[in-house]
Amino acid sequence: MPLISSISLAVNAELTTAADLKAIPKCTLAYSKLAELATGTGVGQADKLWFDQRTLAAGANEDLDLAGVLADIYGQAVTFARIKALVVAAVVANTNNVVIGAAASNQWATLLGTTGTVTLRPGAFFAAVAGSTDATGYAVTAGTGDLLRVTNSAGGSTVDYEITIIGASA
């Protein structure tokens, strides 16, 4: 199945302050980044997509196996050899944080290392995107480096999170 992907980030901000003679100086920022990926497994390409909204029990965690256990929307196994984009968002209504990274073993370490984590407070999101000229992305090693841990930071309540992964099978 062909996969065409476009991942973008836009930051628009305006900073103003009062000044003499009622002038209002302002600084405007319009910053954006775009990665477009064609179908395939090479430079600027991806051929695998997996996305889901998931719930973790209070204090629970799960290890997402990036090399073979995940199933796509059509029920087909998704095996990533390289990740080109990862987007994780903690749902606004959460009470606890969502923590990604640091599986107990077989960590997918090419993004965060073996013990690194990213903490997402309710409503926060995190994105890591390999550029359109990157052939490698973030490598996945089946069996020894393919687990992405997602953790509910505390007891007392469940957390919901949304995750999208775009990558290549080779």
C-alpha atoms as a PDB file:
ATOM      1  CA  MET A   1       0.000   0.000   0.000  1.00  0.00           C
ATOM      2  CA  PRO A   2       1.440   3.416  -0.900  1.00  0.00           C
ATOM      3  CA  LEU A   3       2.040   5.872   1.941  1.00  0.00           C
ATOM      4  CA  ILE A   4       2.448   9.610   1.389  1.00  0.00           C
ATOM      5  CA  SER A   5       3.233  11.599   4.552  1.00  0.00           C
ATOM      6  CA  SER A   6       3.504  15.259   5.427  1.00  0.00           C
ATOM      7  CA  ILE A   7       4.557  16.270   8.932  1.00  0.00           C
ATOM      8  CA  SER A   8       4.591  19.954   9.795  1.00  0.00           C
ATOM      9  CA  LEU A   9       5.245  22.221  12.742  1.00  0.00           C
ATOM     10  CA  ALA A  10       4.296  25.888  12.853  1.00  0.00           C
ATOM     11  CA  VAL A  11       5.042  28.423  15.577  1.00  0.00           C
ATOM     12  CA  ASN A  12       3.423  31.845  15.300  1.00  0.00           C
ATOM     13  CA  ALA A  13       3.960  34.386  18.061  1.00  0.00           C
ATOM     14  CA  GLU A  14       3.768  38.131  18.559  1.00  0.00           C
ATOM     15  CA  LEU A  15       5.468  39.962  21.422  1.00  0.00           C
ATOM     16  CA  THR A  16       4.458  43.566  22.101  1.00  0.00           C
ATOM     17  CA  THR A  17       5.301  46.181  24.692  1.00  0.00           C
ATOM     18  CA  ALA A  18       4.360  49.769  25.440  1.00  0.00           C
ATOM     19  CA  ALA A  19       6.880  52.455  24.461  1.00  0.00           C
ATOM     20  CA  ASP A  20       7.213  56.236  24.355  1.00  0.00           C
ATOM     21  CA  LEU A  21       4.795  58.330  22.292  1.00  0.00           C
ATOM     22  CA  LYS A  22       2.197  55.543  22.376  1.00  0.00           C
ATOM     23  CA  ALA A  23       4.221  53.490  19.920  1.00  0.00           C
ATOM     24  CA  ILE A  24       3.742  49.760  20.297  1.00  0.00           C
ATOM     25  CA  PRO A  25       6.828  47.974  19.091  1.00  0.00           C
ATOM     26  CA  LYS A  26       6.278  44.356  18.279  1.00  0.00           C
ATOM     27  CA  CYS A  27       8.283  41.345  17.340  1.00  0.00           C
ATOM     28  CA  THR A  28       6.590  38.744  15.175  1.00  0.00           C
ATOM     29  CA  LEU A  29       7.765  35.181  14.774  1.00  0.00           C
ATOM     30  CA  ALA A  30       6.506  32.919  12.008  1.00  0.00           C
ATOM     31  CA  TYR A  31       8.526  29.711  12.091  1.00  0.00           C
ATOM     32  CA  SER A  32       7.709  26.444  10.377  1.00  0.00           C
ATOM     33  CA  LYS A  33       9.269  23.122   9.480  1.00  0.00           C
ATOM     34  CA  LEU A  34       7.972  20.551   7.010  1.00  0.00           C
ATOM     35  CA  ALA A  35       8.988  16.980   6.260  1.00  0.00           C
ATOM     36  CA  GLU A  36       7.368  15.312   3.277  1.00  0.00           C
ATOM     37  CA  LEU A  37       7.874  11.589   2.813  1.00  0.00           C
ATOM     38  CA  ALA A  38       7.110   9.655  -0.351  1.00  0.00           C
ATOM     39  CA  THR A  39       6.351   5.939  -0.508  1.00  0.00           C
ATOM     40  CA  GLY A  40       9.366   3.692  -0.016  1.00  0.00           C
ATOM     41  CA  THR A  41      12.209   2.867   2.348  1.00  0.00           C
ATOM     42  CA  GLY A  42      14.999   5.234   1.289  1.00  0.00           C
ATOM     43  CA  VAL A  43      15.870   8.901   1.639  1.00  0.00           C
ATOM     44  CA  GLY A  44      12.745  10.973   2.292  1.00  0.00           C
ATOM     45  CA  GLN A  45      10.542   7.894   2.226  1.00  0.00           C
ATOM     46  CA  ALA A  46       8.338   5.823   4.534  1.00  0.00           C
ATOM     47  CA  ASP A  47       6.099   2.830   3.969  1.00  0.00           C
ATOM     48  CA  LYS A  48       4.621   2.071   7.416  1.00  0.00           C
ATOM     49  CA  LEU A  49       2.037   3.925   9.498  1.00  0.00           C
ATOM     50  CA  TRP A  50       0.622   3.082  12.913  1.00  0.00           C
ATOM     51  CA  PHE A  51      -1.613   5.267  15.057  1.00  0.00           C
ATOM     52  CA  ASP A  52      -3.895   4.761  18.035  1.00  0.00           C
ATOM     53  CA  GLN A  53      -5.558   6.355  21.049  1.00  0.00           C
ATOM     54  CA  ARG A  54      -4.712   4.284  24.097  1.00  0.00           C
ATOM     55  CA  THR A  55      -5.562   4.137  27.797  1.00  0.00           C
ATOM     56  CA  LEU A  56      -3.239   3.149  30.622  1.00  0.00           C
ATOM     57  CA  ALA A  57      -4.529   2.112  34.046  1.00  0.00           C
ATOM     58  CA  ALA A  58      -3.393   4.061  37.107  1.00  0.00           C
ATOM     59  CA  GLY A  59       0.352   3.549  37.594  1.00  0.00           C
ATOM     60  CA  ALA A  60       0.566   1.161  34.627  1.00  0.00           C
ATOM     61  CA  ASN A  61       2.899   1.053  31.655  1.00  0.00           C
ATOM     62  CA  GLU A  62       3.051  -0.700  28.317  1.00  0.00           C
ATOM     63  CA  ASP A  63       5.888  -1.541  25.966  1.00  0.00           C
ATOM     64  CA  LEU A  64       5.028  -0.964  22.320  1.00  0.00           C
ATOM     65  CA  ASP A  65       6.973  -3.442  20.184  1.00  0.00           C
ATOM     66  CA  LEU A  66       7.983  -1.466  17.114  1.00  0.00           C
ATOM     67  CA  ALA A  67       9.132  -4.576  15.257  1.00  0.00           C
ATOM     68  CA  GLY A  68       6.173  -6.820  14.648  1.00  0.00           C
ATOM     69  CA  VAL A  69       3.429  -6.830  17.277  1.00  0.00           C
ATOM     70  CA  LEU A  70       1.549  -3.642  16.382  1.00  0.00           C
ATOM     71  CA  ALA A  71      -1.309  -3.963  13.880  1.00  0.00           C
ATOM     72  CA  ASP A  72      -2.362  -1.200  11.500  1.00  0.00           C
ATOM     73  CA  ILE A  73      -5.910  -0.064  10.795  1.00  0.00           C
ATOM     74  CA  TYR A  74      -6.286  -2.966   8.330  1.00  0.00           C
ATOM     75  CA  GLY A  75      -5.179  -5.571  10.877  1.00  0.00           C
ATOM     76  CA  GLN A  76      -1.793  -6.099   9.229  1.00  0.00           C
ATOM     77  CA  ALA A  77       1.325  -6.439  11.385  1.00  0.00           C
ATOM     78  CA  VAL A  78       3.515  -3.339  11.284  1.00  0.00           C
ATOM     79  CA  THR A  79       7.259  -3.928  11.516  1.00  0.00           C
ATOM     80  CA  PHE A  80       9.414  -0.823  11.641  1.00  0.00           C
ATOM     81  CA  ALA A  81      13.121  -0.954  10.787  1.00  0.00           C
ATOM     82  CA  ARG A  82      13.418   2.832  11.043  1.00  0.00           C
ATOM     83  CA  ILE A  83      11.169   5.490  12.537  1.00  0.00           C
ATOM     84  CA  LYS A  84      10.806   8.666  10.486  1.00  0.00           C
ATOM     85  CA  ALA A  85       8.231  10.411  12.727  1.00  0.00           C
ATOM     86  CA  LEU A  86       6.892   9.877  16.241  1.00  0.00           C
ATOM     87  CA  VAL A  87       4.128  12.055  17.668  1.00  0.00           C
ATOM     88  CA  VAL A  88       2.719  11.433  21.154  1.00  0.00           C
ATOM     89  CA  ALA A  89       0.046  13.595  22.793  1.00  0.00           C
ATOM     90  CA  ALA A  90      -1.313  13.392  26.334  1.00  0.00           C
ATOM     91  CA  VAL A  91      -5.057  13.987  26.398  1.00  0.00           C
ATOM     92  CA  VAL A  92      -6.082  17.279  28.050  1.00  0.00           C
ATOM     93  CA  ALA A  93      -8.495  15.592  30.488  1.00  0.00           C
ATOM     94  CA  ASN A  94      -5.728  13.483  32.090  1.00  0.00           C
ATOM     95  CA  THR A  95      -4.842  14.077  35.734  1.00  0.00           C
ATOM     96  CA  ASN A  96      -1.514  12.236  35.590  1.00  0.00           C
ATOM     97  CA  ASN A  97       1.374  12.664  33.178  1.00  0.00           C
ATOM     98  CA  VAL A  98       2.264  10.362  30.285  1.00  0.00           C
ATOM     99  CA  VAL A  99       5.945   9.372  30.236  1.00  0.00           C
ATOM    100  CA  ILE A 100       7.587   7.931  27.125  1.00  0.00           C
ATOM    101  CA  GLY A 101      10.872   6.038  27.032  1.00  0.00           C
ATOM    102  CA  ALA A 102      13.067   3.834  29.267  1.00  0.00           C
ATOM    103  CA  ALA A 103      11.676   0.335  28.732  1.00  0.00           C
ATOM    104  CA  ALA A 104      13.064  -2.192  31.238  1.00  0.00           C
ATOM    105  CA  SER A 105      14.812  -4.144  28.459  1.00  0.00           C
ATOM    106  CA  ASN A 106      15.225  -4.107  24.675  1.00  0.00           C
ATOM    107  CA  GLN A 107      14.803  -0.330  24.670  1.00  0.00           C
ATOM    108  CA  TRP A 108      14.307   1.498  21.390  1.00  0.00           C
ATOM    109  CA  ALA A 109      17.280   3.705  22.231  1.00  0.00           C
ATOM    110  CA  THR A 110      18.128   5.599  19.054  1.00  0.00           C
ATOM    111  CA  LEU A 111      15.908   8.534  20.042  1.00  0.00           C
ATOM    112  CA  LEU A 112      16.120   8.850  23.844  1.00  0.00           C
ATOM    113  CA  GLY A 113      18.901   6.451  24.806  1.00  0.00           C
ATOM    114  CA  THR A 114      18.252   3.500  27.120  1.00  0.00           C
ATOM    115  CA  THR A 115      17.121   5.507  30.149  1.00  0.00           C
ATOM    116  CA  GLY A 116      15.942   8.819  28.682  1.00  0.00           C
ATOM    117  CA  THR A 117      12.312   9.836  29.017  1.00  0.00           C
ATOM    118  CA  VAL A 118       9.977  12.623  27.966  1.00  0.00           C
ATOM    119  CA  THR A 119       7.219  13.635  30.390  1.00  0.00           C
ATOM    120  CA  LEU A 120       4.001  14.908  28.839  1.00  0.00           C
ATOM    121  CA  ARG A 121       1.732  16.830  31.169  1.00  0.00           C
ATOM    122  CA  PRO A 122      -1.997  16.802  30.372  1.00  0.00           C
ATOM    123  CA  GLY A 123      -2.501  18.442  26.974  1.00  0.00           C
ATOM    124  CA  ALA A 124       1.200  18.336  26.065  1.00  0.00           C
ATOM    125  CA  PHE A 125       2.613  16.726  22.945  1.00  0.00           C
ATOM    126  CA  PHE A 126       6.007  15.612  21.681  1.00  0.00           C
ATOM    127  CA  ALA A 127       7.189  15.110  18.119  1.00  0.00           C
ATOM    128  CA  ALA A 128      10.435  13.785  16.685  1.00  0.00           C
ATOM    129  CA  VAL A 129      10.725  13.901  12.905  1.00  0.00           C
ATOM    130  CA  ALA A 130      13.592  12.823  10.673  1.00  0.00           C
ATOM    131  CA  GLY A 131      14.045  15.335   7.877  1.00  0.00           C
ATOM    132  CA  SER A 132      13.087  14.702   4.271  1.00  0.00           C
ATOM    133  CA  THR A 133      16.760  14.209   3.350  1.00  0.00           C
ATOM    134  CA  ASP A 134      17.393  11.623   6.083  1.00  0.00           C
ATOM    135  CA  ALA A 135      17.682   8.007   4.936  1.00  0.00           C
ATOM    136  CA  THR A 136      18.280   6.532   8.387  1.00  0.00           C
ATOM    137  CA  GLY A 137      15.706   8.052  10.719  1.00  0.00           C
ATOM    138  CA  TYR A 138      15.743   6.397  14.139  1.00  0.00           C
ATOM    139  CA  ALA A 139      16.768   2.745  13.760  1.00  0.00           C
ATOM    140  CA  VAL A 140      14.770  -0.098  15.309  1.00  0.00           C
ATOM    141  CA  THR A 141      16.556  -3.372  16.079  1.00  0.00           C
ATOM    142  CA  ALA A 142      14.116  -6.289  16.210  1.00  0.00           C
ATOM    143  CA  GLY A 143      14.409  -8.326  19.402  1.00  0.00           C
ATOM    144  CA  THR A 144      17.042  -6.183  21.115  1.00  0.00           C
ATOM    145  CA  GLY A 145      16.140  -2.523  20.516  1.00  0.00           C
ATOM    146  CA  ASP A 146      12.468  -2.264  19.635  1.00  0.00           C
ATOM    147  CA  LEU A 147      10.435  -1.457  22.766  1.00  0.00           C
ATOM    148  CA  LEU A 148       8.966   2.001  23.330  1.00  0.00           C
ATOM    149  CA  ARG A 149       7.631   2.257  26.876  1.00  0.00           C
ATOM    150  CA  VAL A 150       4.657   4.470  27.688  1.00  0.00           C
ATOM    151  CA  THR A 151       3.898   4.983  31.389  1.00  0.00           C
ATOM    152  CA  ASN A 152       1.122   6.498  33.490  1.00  0.00           C
ATOM    153  CA  SER A 153       3.150   8.590  35.948  1.00  0.00           C
ATOM    154  CA  ALA A 154       1.041   7.926  39.049  1.00  0.00           C
ATOM    155  CA  GLY A 155      -1.773   6.011  40.663  1.00  0.00           C
ATOM    156  CA  GLY A 156      -5.313   7.192  41.183  1.00  0.00           C
ATOM    157  CA  SER A 157      -6.500   7.631  37.609  1.00  0.00           C
ATOM    158  CA  THR A 158      -6.085   6.372  34.079  1.00  0.00           C
ATOM    159  CA  VAL A 159      -4.377   8.351  31.330  1.00  0.00           C
ATOM    160  CA  ASP A 160      -5.233   8.524  27.655  1.00  0.00           C
ATOM    161  CA  TYR A 161      -2.713   9.283  24.966  1.00  0.00           C
ATOM    162  CA  GLU A 162      -2.608   9.509  21.190  1.00  0.00           C
ATOM    163  CA  ILE A 163       0.329   8.169  19.224  1.00  0.00           C
ATOM    164  CA  THR A 164       1.324   8.244  15.569  1.00  0.00           C
ATOM    165  CA  ILE A 165       4.382   6.496  14.149  1.00  0.00           C
ATOM    166  CA  ILE A 166       5.570   6.780  10.554  1.00  0.00           C
ATOM    167  CA  GLY A 167       8.522   4.729   9.432  1.00  0.00           C
ATOM    168  CA  ALA A 168      10.171   2.386   6.996  1.00  0.00           C
ATOM    169  CA  SER A 169      10.191  -1.399   6.858  1.00  0.00           C
ATOM    170  CA  ALA A 170      13.789  -1.612   5.649  1.00  0.00           C
END
